[in-house]
C-alpha atoms as a PDB file:
ATOM      1  CA  MET A   1      14.433  18.038   7.215  1.00  0.00           C
ATOM      2  CA  GLU A   2      16.409  17.032   4.150  1.00  0.00           C
ATOM      3  CA  GLU A   3      14.315  17.403   1.017  1.00  0.00           C
ATOM      4  CA  LEU A   4      14.282  14.847  -1.784  1.00  0.00           C
ATOM      5  CA  LYS A   5      16.494  15.728  -4.736  1.00  0.00           C
ATOM      6  CA  ASN A   6      16.244  12.488  -6.675  1.00  0.00           C
ATOM      7  CA  ARG A   7      13.479  10.789  -8.604  1.00  0.00           C
ATOM      8  CA  ILE A   8      12.977   7.241  -7.357  1.00  0.00           C
ATOM      9  CA  ASP A   9      11.289   4.207  -8.911  1.00  0.00           C
ATOM     10  CA  PHE A  10      10.972   0.862  -7.170  1.00  0.00           C
ATOM     11  CA  VAL A  11       9.837  -2.740  -7.528  1.00  0.00           C
ATOM     12  CA  TYR A  12       8.106  -4.346  -4.547  1.00  0.00           C
ATOM     13  CA  LEU A  13       7.525  -8.087  -4.177  1.00  0.00           C
ATOM     14  CA  PHE A  14       5.328  -9.661  -1.510  1.00  0.00           C
ATOM     15  CA  ASP A  15       3.559 -12.996  -1.189  1.00  0.00           C
ATOM     16  CA  VAL A  16       0.599 -14.683   0.450  1.00  0.00           C
ATOM     17  CA  GLN A  17       0.177 -18.245   1.649  1.00  0.00           C
ATOM     18  CA  ASP A  18      -3.253 -19.719   2.474  1.00  0.00           C
ATOM     19  CA  GLY A  19      -4.941 -16.343   2.689  1.00  0.00           C
ATOM     20  CA  ASN A  20      -6.937 -13.716   0.845  1.00  0.00           C
ATOM     21  CA  PRO A  21      -4.626 -10.736   0.178  1.00  0.00           C
ATOM     22  CA  ASN A  22      -7.354  -8.404  -1.106  1.00  0.00           C
ATOM     23  CA  GLY A  23     -10.995  -9.459  -1.372  1.00  0.00           C
ATOM     24  CA  ASP A  24     -13.264  -8.106  -4.098  1.00  0.00           C
ATOM     25  CA  PRO A  25     -16.586  -6.907  -2.595  1.00  0.00           C
ATOM     26  CA  ASP A  26     -18.209  -7.179  -6.043  1.00  0.00           C
ATOM     27  CA  ALA A  27     -17.363 -10.890  -6.187  1.00  0.00           C
ATOM     28  CA  GLY A  28     -18.388 -12.116  -2.751  1.00  0.00           C
ATOM     29  CA  ASN A  29     -15.010 -11.031  -1.311  1.00  0.00           C
ATOM     30  CA  LEU A  30     -13.134 -13.588  -3.388  1.00  0.00           C
ATOM     31  CA  PRO A  31      -9.465 -12.758  -4.060  1.00  0.00           C
ATOM     32  CA  ARG A  32      -9.185 -10.183  -6.837  1.00  0.00           C
ATOM     33  CA  VAL A  33      -8.206 -11.682 -10.175  1.00  0.00           C
ATOM     34  CA  ASP A  34      -7.667 -10.640 -13.790  1.00  0.00           C
ATOM     35  CA  ALA A  35     -10.506 -12.496 -15.502  1.00  0.00           C
ATOM     36  CA  GLU A  36      -8.577 -12.902 -18.766  1.00  0.00           C
ATOM     37  CA  THR A  37      -5.225 -14.151 -17.448  1.00  0.00           C
ATOM     38  CA  GLY A  38      -6.042 -15.542 -14.013  1.00  0.00           C
ATOM     39  CA  MET A  39      -3.356 -13.359 -12.431  1.00  0.00           C
ATOM     40  CA  GLY A  40      -4.117 -12.207  -8.898  1.00  0.00           C
ATOM     41  CA  LEU A  41      -4.488  -8.506  -8.139  1.00  0.00           C
ATOM     42  CA  VAL A  42      -4.002  -6.340  -5.049  1.00  0.00           C
ATOM     43  CA  THR A  43      -5.083  -2.714  -5.330  1.00  0.00           C
ATOM     44  CA  ASP A  44      -2.875   0.280  -4.610  1.00  0.00           C
ATOM     45  CA  VAL A  45      -5.510   1.397  -2.089  1.00  0.00           C
ATOM     46  CA  CYS A  46      -5.048  -1.839  -0.129  1.00  0.00           C
ATOM     47  CA  LEU A  47      -1.275  -1.370   0.056  1.00  0.00           C
ATOM     48  CA  LYS A  48      -1.546   2.287   1.068  1.00  0.00           C
ATOM     49  CA  ARG A  49      -3.965   1.311   3.844  1.00  0.00           C
ATOM     50  CA  LYS A  50      -1.302  -0.990   5.298  1.00  0.00           C
ATOM     51  CA  VAL A  51       1.335   1.745   5.032  1.00  0.00           C
ATOM     52  CA  ARG A  52      -0.978   4.133   6.895  1.00  0.00           C
ATOM     53  CA  ASN A  53      -1.604   1.538   9.605  1.00  0.00           C
ATOM     54  CA  TYR A  54       2.132   0.989  10.053  1.00  0.00           C
ATOM     55  CA  VAL A  55       2.922   4.704  10.332  1.00  0.00           C
ATOM     56  CA  GLN A  56       0.044   5.161  12.773  1.00  0.00           C
ATOM     57  CA  VAL A  57       1.579   2.529  15.057  1.00  0.00           C
ATOM     58  CA  ALA A  58       5.269   3.335  14.527  1.00  0.00           C
ATOM     59  CA  LYS A  59       4.847   7.102  14.952  1.00  0.00           C
ATOM     60  CA  SER A  60       1.910   7.281  17.350  1.00  0.00           C
ATOM     61  CA  ASN A  61       1.652  10.656  19.100  1.00  0.00           C
ATOM     62  CA  GLU A  62       4.578  12.113  17.123  1.00  0.00           C
ATOM     63  CA  GLU A  63       3.850  15.518  15.663  1.00  0.00           C
ATOM     64  CA  GLY A  64       3.600  15.527  11.895  1.00  0.00           C
ATOM     65  CA  TYR A  65       2.828  11.820  11.568  1.00  0.00           C
ATOM     66  CA  ASP A  66      -0.903  11.680  12.148  1.00  0.00           C
ATOM     67  CA  ILE A  67      -3.009   9.903   9.511  1.00  0.00           C
ATOM     68  CA  PHE A  68      -5.792  11.726   7.663  1.00  0.00           C
ATOM     69  CA  ILE A  69      -7.543   8.729   6.082  1.00  0.00           C
ATOM     70  CA  LYS A  70      -8.176   6.424   9.026  1.00  0.00           C
ATOM     71  CA  GLU A  71     -11.051   4.417  10.461  1.00  0.00           C
ATOM     72  CA  LYS A  72     -13.960   6.535  11.714  1.00  0.00           C
ATOM     73  CA  ALA A  73     -12.158   9.781  10.922  1.00  0.00           C
ATOM     74  CA  ILE A  74     -14.566  12.617  10.062  1.00  0.00           C
ATOM     75  CA  LEU A  75     -12.563  14.264   7.320  1.00  0.00           C
ATOM     76  CA  ASN A  76     -14.418  17.576   7.224  1.00  0.00           C
ATOM     77  CA  ASN A  77     -13.781  18.028  10.946  1.00  0.00           C
ATOM     78  CA  LEU A  78     -10.042  17.518  10.422  1.00  0.00           C
ATOM     79  CA  ILE A  79     -10.045  20.007   7.549  1.00  0.00           C
ATOM     80  CA  ALA A  80     -11.959  22.491   9.696  1.00  0.00           C
ATOM     81  CA  GLU A  81      -9.329  22.120  12.435  1.00  0.00           C
ATOM     82  CA  ALA A  82      -6.616  23.011   9.931  1.00  0.00           C
ATOM     83  CA  ASN A  83      -8.570  26.107   8.923  1.00  0.00           C
ATOM     84  CA  GLN A  84      -8.541  27.233  12.582  1.00  0.00           C
ATOM     85  CA  ASP A  85      -4.753  27.290  12.659  1.00  0.00           C
ATOM     86  CA  GLU A  86      -3.347  30.762  13.311  1.00  0.00           C
ATOM     87  CA  THR A  87      -1.392  30.693  10.050  1.00  0.00           C
ATOM     88  CA  VAL A  88      -4.660  30.163   8.157  1.00  0.00           C
ATOM     89  CA  LYS A  89      -7.169  32.384   9.949  1.00  0.00           C
ATOM     90  CA  SER A  90      -5.390  35.576   8.931  1.00  0.00           C
ATOM     91  CA  LYS A  91      -5.528  34.691   5.219  1.00  0.00           C
ATOM     92  CA  GLU A  92      -8.259  35.355   2.675  1.00  0.00           C
ATOM     93  CA  GLY A  93      -9.500  33.636  -0.483  1.00  0.00           C
ATOM     94  CA  GLY A  94      -6.985  31.521  -2.346  1.00  0.00           C
ATOM     95  CA  SER A  95      -4.241  32.375   0.119  1.00  0.00           C
ATOM     96  CA  LYS A  96      -6.323  30.827   2.914  1.00  0.00           C
ATOM     97  CA  THR A  97      -6.811  27.617   0.930  1.00  0.00           C
ATOM     98  CA  GLU A  98      -3.087  27.367   0.224  1.00  0.00           C
ATOM     99  CA  ALA A  99      -2.247  28.000   3.883  1.00  0.00           C
ATOM    100  CA  ALA A 100      -4.692  25.289   4.999  1.00  0.00           C
ATOM    101  CA  ARG A 101      -3.182  22.935   2.431  1.00  0.00           C
ATOM    102  CA  LYS A 102       0.274  23.468   3.932  1.00  0.00           C
ATOM    103  CA  VAL A 103      -1.044  22.829   7.428  1.00  0.00           C
ATOM    104  CA  MET A 104      -2.626  19.542   6.312  1.00  0.00           C
ATOM    105  CA  CYS A 105       0.615  18.444   4.643  1.00  0.00           C
ATOM    106  CA  LYS A 106       2.578  19.283   7.774  1.00  0.00           C
ATOM    107  CA  ARG A 107       0.219  17.441  10.136  1.00  0.00           C
ATOM    108  CA  TYR A 108      -0.606  14.291   8.152  1.00  0.00           C
ATOM    109  CA  PHE A 109       1.932  11.848   6.766  1.00  0.00           C
ATOM    110  CA  ASP A 110      -0.466  10.314   4.255  1.00  0.00           C
ATOM    111  CA  VAL A 111      -1.454  13.698   2.830  1.00  0.00           C
ATOM    112  CA  ARG A 112       2.117  14.698   2.032  1.00  0.00           C
ATOM    113  CA  ALA A 113       2.944  11.161   0.833  1.00  0.00           C
ATOM    114  CA  PHE A 114      -0.125  10.080  -1.174  1.00  0.00           C
ATOM    115  CA  GLY A 115      -2.066  13.322  -1.596  1.00  0.00           C
ATOM    116  CA  ALA A 116      -5.710  14.005  -0.792  1.00  0.00           C
ATOM    117  CA  VAL A 117      -8.837  15.840  -1.916  1.00  0.00           C
ATOM    118  CA  MET A 118      -9.699  18.273   0.871  1.00  0.00           C
ATOM    119  CA  SER A 119     -12.452  20.377  -0.644  1.00  0.00           C
ATOM    120  CA  THR A 120     -15.431  18.450   0.745  1.00  0.00           C
ATOM    121  CA  GLY A 121     -16.049  20.951   3.548  1.00  0.00           C
ATOM    122  CA  GLU A 122     -14.002  23.987   4.439  1.00  0.00           C
ATOM    123  CA  ASN A 123     -11.575  24.166   1.556  1.00  0.00           C
ATOM    124  CA  ALA A 124      -7.994  23.002   2.064  1.00  0.00           C
ATOM    125  CA  GLY A 125      -7.441  22.383  -1.630  1.00  0.00           C
ATOM    126  CA  GLN A 126      -6.130  19.274  -3.308  1.00  0.00           C
ATOM    127  CA  VAL A 127      -2.744  17.637  -2.920  1.00  0.00           C
ATOM    128  CA  ARG A 128      -1.118  15.422  -5.521  1.00  0.00           C
ATOM    129  CA  GLY A 129       1.151  13.092  -3.591  1.00  0.00           C
ATOM    130  CA  PRO A 130       4.735  12.295  -4.599  1.00  0.00           C
ATOM    131  CA  ILE A 131       4.258   8.539  -4.048  1.00  0.00           C
ATOM    132  CA  GLN A 132       2.221   6.599  -6.580  1.00  0.00           C
ATOM    133  CA  LEU A 133       1.686   2.832  -6.635  1.00  0.00           C
ATOM    134  CA  THR A 134       0.353   0.501  -9.293  1.00  0.00           C
ATOM    135  CA  PHE A 135      -1.908  -2.476  -8.657  1.00  0.00           C
ATOM    136  CA  ALA A 136       0.178  -5.469  -7.576  1.00  0.00           C
ATOM    137  CA  ARG A 137      -0.116  -8.389  -9.997  1.00  0.00           C
ATOM    138  CA  SER A 138       0.833 -11.988  -9.289  1.00  0.00           C
ATOM    139  CA  ILE A 139       3.754 -13.470 -11.193  1.00  0.00           C
ATOM    140  CA  ASP A 140       1.730 -16.564 -12.084  1.00  0.00           C
ATOM    141  CA  PRO A 141      -2.013 -17.274 -12.267  1.00  0.00           C
ATOM    142  CA  ILE A 142      -3.521 -17.876  -8.836  1.00  0.00           C
ATOM    143  CA  THR A 143      -5.943 -20.542  -7.698  1.00  0.00           C
ATOM    144  CA  SER A 144      -8.806 -19.198  -5.619  1.00  0.00           C
ATOM    145  CA  LEU A 145     -10.142 -21.787  -3.195  1.00  0.00           C
ATOM    146  CA  GLU A 146     -13.336 -21.706  -1.139  1.00  0.00           C
ATOM    147  CA  HIS A 147     -13.476 -23.589   2.156  1.00  0.00           C
ATOM    148  CA  SER A 148     -16.552 -24.511   4.150  1.00  0.00           C
ATOM    149  CA  ILE A 149     -16.324 -23.566   7.816  1.00  0.00           C
ATOM    150  CA  THR A 150     -18.657 -24.171  10.740  1.00  0.00           C
ATOM    151  CA  ARG A 151     -19.572 -22.302  13.899  1.00  0.00           C
ATOM    152  CA  ILE A 152     -20.775 -24.249  16.926  1.00  0.00           C
ATOM    153  CA  ALA A 153     -21.720 -21.176  18.963  1.00  0.00           C
ATOM    154  CA  VAL A 154     -24.899 -19.230  18.229  1.00  0.00           C
ATOM    155  CA  ALA A 155     -25.872 -15.612  18.670  1.00  0.00           C
ATOM    156  CA  THR A 156     -29.483 -15.970  19.821  1.00  0.00           C
ATOM    157  CA  GLU A 157     -31.772 -18.463  21.533  1.00  0.00           C
ATOM    158  CA  ALA A 158     -33.779 -18.735  18.315  1.00  0.00           C
ATOM    159  CA  GLU A 159     -30.674 -19.982  16.494  1.00  0.00           C
ATOM    160  CA  ALA A 160     -30.004 -22.471  19.281  1.00  0.00           C
ATOM    161  CA  LYS A 161     -33.520 -23.956  18.960  1.00  0.00           C
ATOM    162  CA  LYS A 162     -33.072 -24.395  15.225  1.00  0.00           C
ATOM    163  CA  GLN A 163     -29.889 -26.386  15.741  1.00  0.00           C
ATOM    164  CA  SER A 164     -30.146 -30.004  16.724  1.00  0.00           C
ATOM    165  CA  GLY A 165     -27.471 -32.624  17.098  1.00  0.00           C
ATOM    166  CA  GLU A 166     -24.473 -31.759  14.931  1.00  0.00           C
ATOM    167  CA  ASN A 167     -26.192 -29.062  12.863  1.00  0.00           C
ATOM    168  CA  HIS A 168     -23.827 -26.118  12.969  1.00  0.00           C
ATOM    169  CA  THR A 169     -23.881 -22.705  11.365  1.00  0.00           C
ATOM    170  CA  MET A 170     -22.117 -22.943   7.997  1.00  0.00           C
ATOM    171  CA  GLY A 171     -19.890 -20.351   6.368  1.00  0.00           C
ATOM    172  CA  ARG A 172     -17.313 -19.882   3.602  1.00  0.00           C
ATOM    173  CA  LYS A 173     -13.697 -18.753   3.537  1.00  0.00           C
ATOM    174  CA  SER A 174     -11.685 -17.905   0.414  1.00  0.00           C
ATOM    175  CA  THR A 175      -7.920 -18.337   0.136  1.00  0.00           C
ATOM    176  CA  VAL A 176      -5.046 -18.366  -2.320  1.00  0.00           C
ATOM    177  CA  PRO A 177      -2.755 -21.390  -1.654  1.00  0.00           C
ATOM    178  CA  TYR A 178       0.242 -19.306  -2.708  1.00  0.00           C
ATOM    179  CA  GLY A 179       0.819 -16.193  -4.757  1.00  0.00           C
ATOM    180  CA  LEU A 180       3.831 -13.925  -5.347  1.00  0.00           C
ATOM    181  CA  TYR A 181       2.787 -10.379  -6.243  1.00  0.00           C
ATOM    182  CA  LEU A 182       4.790  -7.578  -7.883  1.00  0.00           C
ATOM    183  CA  CYS A 183       4.024  -3.876  -7.535  1.00  0.00           C
ATOM    184  CA  HIS A 184       5.702  -0.871  -9.189  1.00  0.00           C
ATOM    185  CA  GLY A 185       6.121   2.413  -7.364  1.00  0.00           C
ATOM    186  CA  PHE A 186       7.220   5.951  -8.155  1.00  0.00           C
ATOM    187  CA  VAL A 187       8.459   8.835  -5.999  1.00  0.00           C
ATOM    188  CA  SER A 188       8.492  12.318  -7.531  1.00  0.00           C
ATOM    189  CA  ALA A 189      11.070  14.665  -6.002  1.00  0.00           C
ATOM    190  CA  ASN A 190       9.283  17.604  -7.606  1.00  0.00           C
ATOM    191  CA  LEU A 191       5.947  16.812  -5.930  1.00  0.00           C
ATOM    192  CA  ALA A 192       7.742  15.956  -2.689  1.00  0.00           C
ATOM    193  CA  LYS A 193       9.064  19.504  -2.585  1.00  0.00           C
ATOM    194  CA  GLN A 194       5.511  20.832  -2.931  1.00  0.00           C
ATOM    195  CA  THR A 195       4.100  18.718  -0.083  1.00  0.00           C
ATOM    196  CA  GLY A 196       7.118  18.786   2.234  1.00  0.00           C
ATOM    197  CA  PHE A 197       7.742  15.046   1.887  1.00  0.00           C
ATOM    198  CA  SER A 198      11.302  14.588   3.149  1.00  0.00           C
ATOM    199  CA  GLN A 199      14.052  11.974   3.081  1.00  0.00           C
ATOM    200  CA  VAL A 200      13.026  11.001   6.626  1.00  0.00           C
ATOM    201  CA  ASP A 201       9.477  10.424   5.360  1.00  0.00           C
ATOM    202  CA  LEU A 202      10.793   8.305   2.485  1.00  0.00           C
ATOM    203  CA  ASP A 203      12.836   6.152   4.859  1.00  0.00           C
ATOM    204  CA  LEU A 204       9.712   5.650   6.968  1.00  0.00           C
ATOM    205  CA  PHE A 205       7.720   4.681   3.873  1.00  0.00           C
ATOM    206  CA  PHE A 206      10.294   2.053   2.895  1.00  0.00           C
ATOM    207  CA  ASP A 207      10.313   0.770   6.488  1.00  0.00           C
ATOM    208  CA  ALA A 208       6.540   0.419   6.197  1.00  0.00           C
ATOM    209  CA  LEU A 209       6.824  -1.627   3.009  1.00  0.00           C
ATOM    210  CA  LYS A 210       9.295  -3.947   4.715  1.00  0.00           C
ATOM    211  CA  ASN A 211       7.392  -4.394   7.982  1.00  0.00           C
ATOM    212  CA  MET A 212       3.720  -3.520   7.469  1.00  0.00           C
ATOM    213  CA  PHE A 213       2.452  -7.094   7.138  1.00  0.00           C
ATOM    214  CA  ASP A 214       3.822  -7.939  10.584  1.00  0.00           C
ATOM    215  CA  ILE A 215       1.474  -5.482  12.300  1.00  0.00           C
ATOM    216  CA  ASP A 216      -1.536  -6.342  10.129  1.00  0.00           C
ATOM    217  CA  ARG A 217      -1.927 -10.042  10.805  1.00  0.00           C
ATOM    218  CA  SER A 218      -5.347 -11.546  10.133  1.00  0.00           C
ATOM    219  CA  ALA A 219      -6.595 -15.116   9.876  1.00  0.00           C
ATOM    220  CA  ALA A 220      -8.335 -14.119   6.644  1.00  0.00           C
ATOM    221  CA  ARG A 221      -5.070 -12.931   5.059  1.00  0.00           C
ATOM    222  CA  GLY A 222      -3.033 -16.001   5.931  1.00  0.00           C
ATOM    223  CA  LEU A 223       0.729 -15.557   5.866  1.00  0.00           C
ATOM    224  CA  MET A 224       1.652 -12.389   3.978  1.00  0.00           C
ATOM    225  CA  SER A 225       5.299 -11.327   3.781  1.00  0.00           C
ATOM    226  CA  ALA A 226       7.414  -8.654   2.112  1.00  0.00           C
ATOM    227  CA  GLN A 227      10.075 -10.395   0.030  1.00  0.00           C
ATOM    228  CA  LYS A 228      11.979  -7.886  -2.141  1.00  0.00           C
ATOM    229  CA  LEU A 229      12.287  -4.107  -2.434  1.00  0.00           C
ATOM    230  CA  ILE A 230      14.458  -2.969  -5.331  1.00  0.00           C
ATOM    231  CA  VAL A 231      15.012   0.797  -5.547  1.00  0.00           C
ATOM    232  CA  PHE A 232      16.200   2.766  -8.582  1.00  0.00           C
ATOM    233  CA  LYS A 233      17.584   6.146  -7.538  1.00  0.00           C
ATOM    234  CA  HIS A 234      18.171   8.766 -10.257  1.00  0.00           C
ATOM    235  CA  ASP A 235      20.761  11.509  -9.821  1.00  0.00           C
ATOM    236  CA  SER A 236      18.313  14.257 -10.788  1.00  0.00           C
ATOM    237  CA  VAL A 237      14.842  15.516  -9.919  1.00  0.00           C
ATOM    238  CA  LEU A 238      13.383  14.664 -13.348  1.00  0.00           C
ATOM    239  CA  GLY A 239      15.139  11.316 -13.686  1.00  0.00           C
ATOM    240  CA  ASN A 240      17.668   9.874 -16.103  1.00  0.00           C
ATOM    241  CA  ALA A 241      15.927   6.831 -17.572  1.00  0.00           C
ATOM    242  CA  PRO A 242      12.368   5.712 -18.357  1.00  0.00           C
ATOM    243  CA  ALA A 243      10.833   3.794 -15.455  1.00  0.00           C
ATOM    244  CA  ASN A 244       9.647   0.968 -17.685  1.00  0.00           C
ATOM    245  CA  LYS A 245      13.197   0.365 -18.947  1.00  0.00           C
ATOM    246  CA  LEU A 246      14.452   0.128 -15.376  1.00  0.00           C
ATOM    247  CA  PHE A 247      11.650  -2.239 -14.374  1.00  0.00           C
ATOM    248  CA  ASP A 248      12.545  -4.468 -17.345  1.00  0.00           C
ATOM    249  CA  LEU A 249      15.922  -5.110 -15.692  1.00  0.00           C
ATOM    250  CA  VAL A 250      14.164  -7.104 -12.943  1.00  0.00           C
ATOM    251  CA  HIS A 251      13.169 -10.678 -13.766  1.00  0.00           C
ATOM    252  CA  VAL A 252      11.125 -13.014 -11.585  1.00  0.00           C
ATOM    253  CA  LYS A 253      10.614 -16.612 -12.656  1.00  0.00           C
ATOM    254  CA  LYS A 254      10.056 -20.043 -11.174  1.00  0.00           C
ATOM    255  CA  ARG A 255      13.191 -22.066 -10.575  1.00  0.00           C
ATOM    256  CA  ASP A 256      13.943 -24.987 -12.866  1.00  0.00           C
ATOM    257  CA  GLY A 257      11.946 -28.059 -11.948  1.00  0.00           C
ATOM    258  CA  VAL A 258       9.216 -26.112 -10.107  1.00  0.00           C
ATOM    259  CA  ASP A 259       5.788 -26.661 -11.663  1.00  0.00           C
ATOM    260  CA  VAL A 260       3.589 -25.185  -8.927  1.00  0.00           C
ATOM    261  CA  ALA A 261       5.111 -22.592  -6.611  1.00  0.00           C
ATOM    262  CA  ARG A 262       4.275 -22.841  -2.931  1.00  0.00           C
ATOM    263  CA  SER A 263       6.928 -20.533  -1.431  1.00  0.00           C
ATOM    264  CA  PHE A 264       9.194 -17.616  -2.342  1.00  0.00           C
ATOM    265  CA  ALA A 265      12.090 -20.097  -2.466  1.00  0.00           C
ATOM    266  CA  ASP A 266      10.461 -21.566  -5.592  1.00  0.00           C
ATOM    267  CA  TYR A 267      11.230 -18.305  -7.441  1.00  0.00           C
ATOM    268  CA  GLU A 268      14.421 -16.705  -8.644  1.00  0.00           C
ATOM    269  CA  VAL A 269      14.795 -12.908  -8.758  1.00  0.00           C
ATOM    270  CA  THR A 270      17.570 -11.509 -10.967  1.00  0.00           C
ATOM    271  CA  ILE A 271      18.607  -7.996 -11.979  1.00  0.00           C
ATOM    272  CA  ASP A 272      20.313  -7.386 -15.321  1.00  0.00           C
ATOM    273  CA  ALA A 273      23.439  -5.252 -15.661  1.00  0.00           C
ATOM    274  CA  ASN A 274      22.523  -1.585 -15.276  1.00  0.00           C
ATOM    275  CA  PRO A 275      22.998   0.290 -18.588  1.00  0.00           C
ATOM    276  CA  TYR A 276      22.248   3.578 -16.816  1.00  0.00           C
ATOM    277  CA  GLU A 277      24.730   3.135 -13.965  1.00  0.00           C
ATOM    278  CA  GLU A 278      26.311   6.553 -14.525  1.00  0.00           C
ATOM    279  CA  HIS A 279      23.077   8.256 -13.508  1.00  0.00           C
ATOM    280  CA  VAL A 280      20.881   5.613 -11.825  1.00  0.00           C
ATOM    281  CA  THR A 281      21.887   3.485  -8.859  1.00  0.00           C
ATOM    282  CA  ILE A 282      20.161   0.220  -7.950  1.00  0.00           C
ATOM    283  CA  GLU A 283      19.783  -0.797  -4.316  1.00  0.00           C
ATOM    284  CA  THR A 284      18.079  -3.848  -2.851  1.00  0.00           C
ATOM    285  CA  LEU A 285      16.587  -2.820   0.504  1.00  0.00           C
ATOM    286  CA  LEU A 286      15.054  -6.203   1.270  1.00  0.00           C
END
């Protein structure tokens, strides 16, 4: 497979309508928020989970695209399986760990993309992944709403006896009426070479960013949609411009006359002229 030869930085925009994009378990599962600014937050872990879920569905049963970090996976068992590979069993000491590491990278998409710590059982070393994501932060402060909900069905006869007339089981649901979130991402060609992360893998990752919300629908998350994916491709492995300077070229603001945004159409996304165009290309994939 074609290896990556270019450093890549990207800006990813997605939104949520009437849903909870990423609940905070330390705050009663309310939407995550920056307490000082009121800006909404979505963790990098949350986004990578959705990427993993997409790859698991899109590449099910394809060799090399299994997922290491998945529901109910016993990680030490998976590491032990890698250590039973013929290319590993014949090695000793550090060479065995390195061989197991290569097997894990070859088998699991998320290991070669995001990295993993695989020293919790039989040692397969540690992998620093070429793809890194920041927390996503909302463009404007969000409003977190709590809604009372009722359940008319009951789980036990004891609950049924306690209910009389219109007394129903009460519950709560938290939502954000609307929020547009921006995330920054980085792809290291140097680390990609170490893990075997290829151009085909990168294309799959970008496909995941564009489509992952469509296979992860949940009533709790409302309507979540990918809106923009702006990619900065350098013409070298190390890169030709600071990432922060490239990100500063992208501007997202509410359109004139919009006080409270309730859709992506209420925002305007612009990209300044590229001062690094000789060495960095800008492509909008979404």
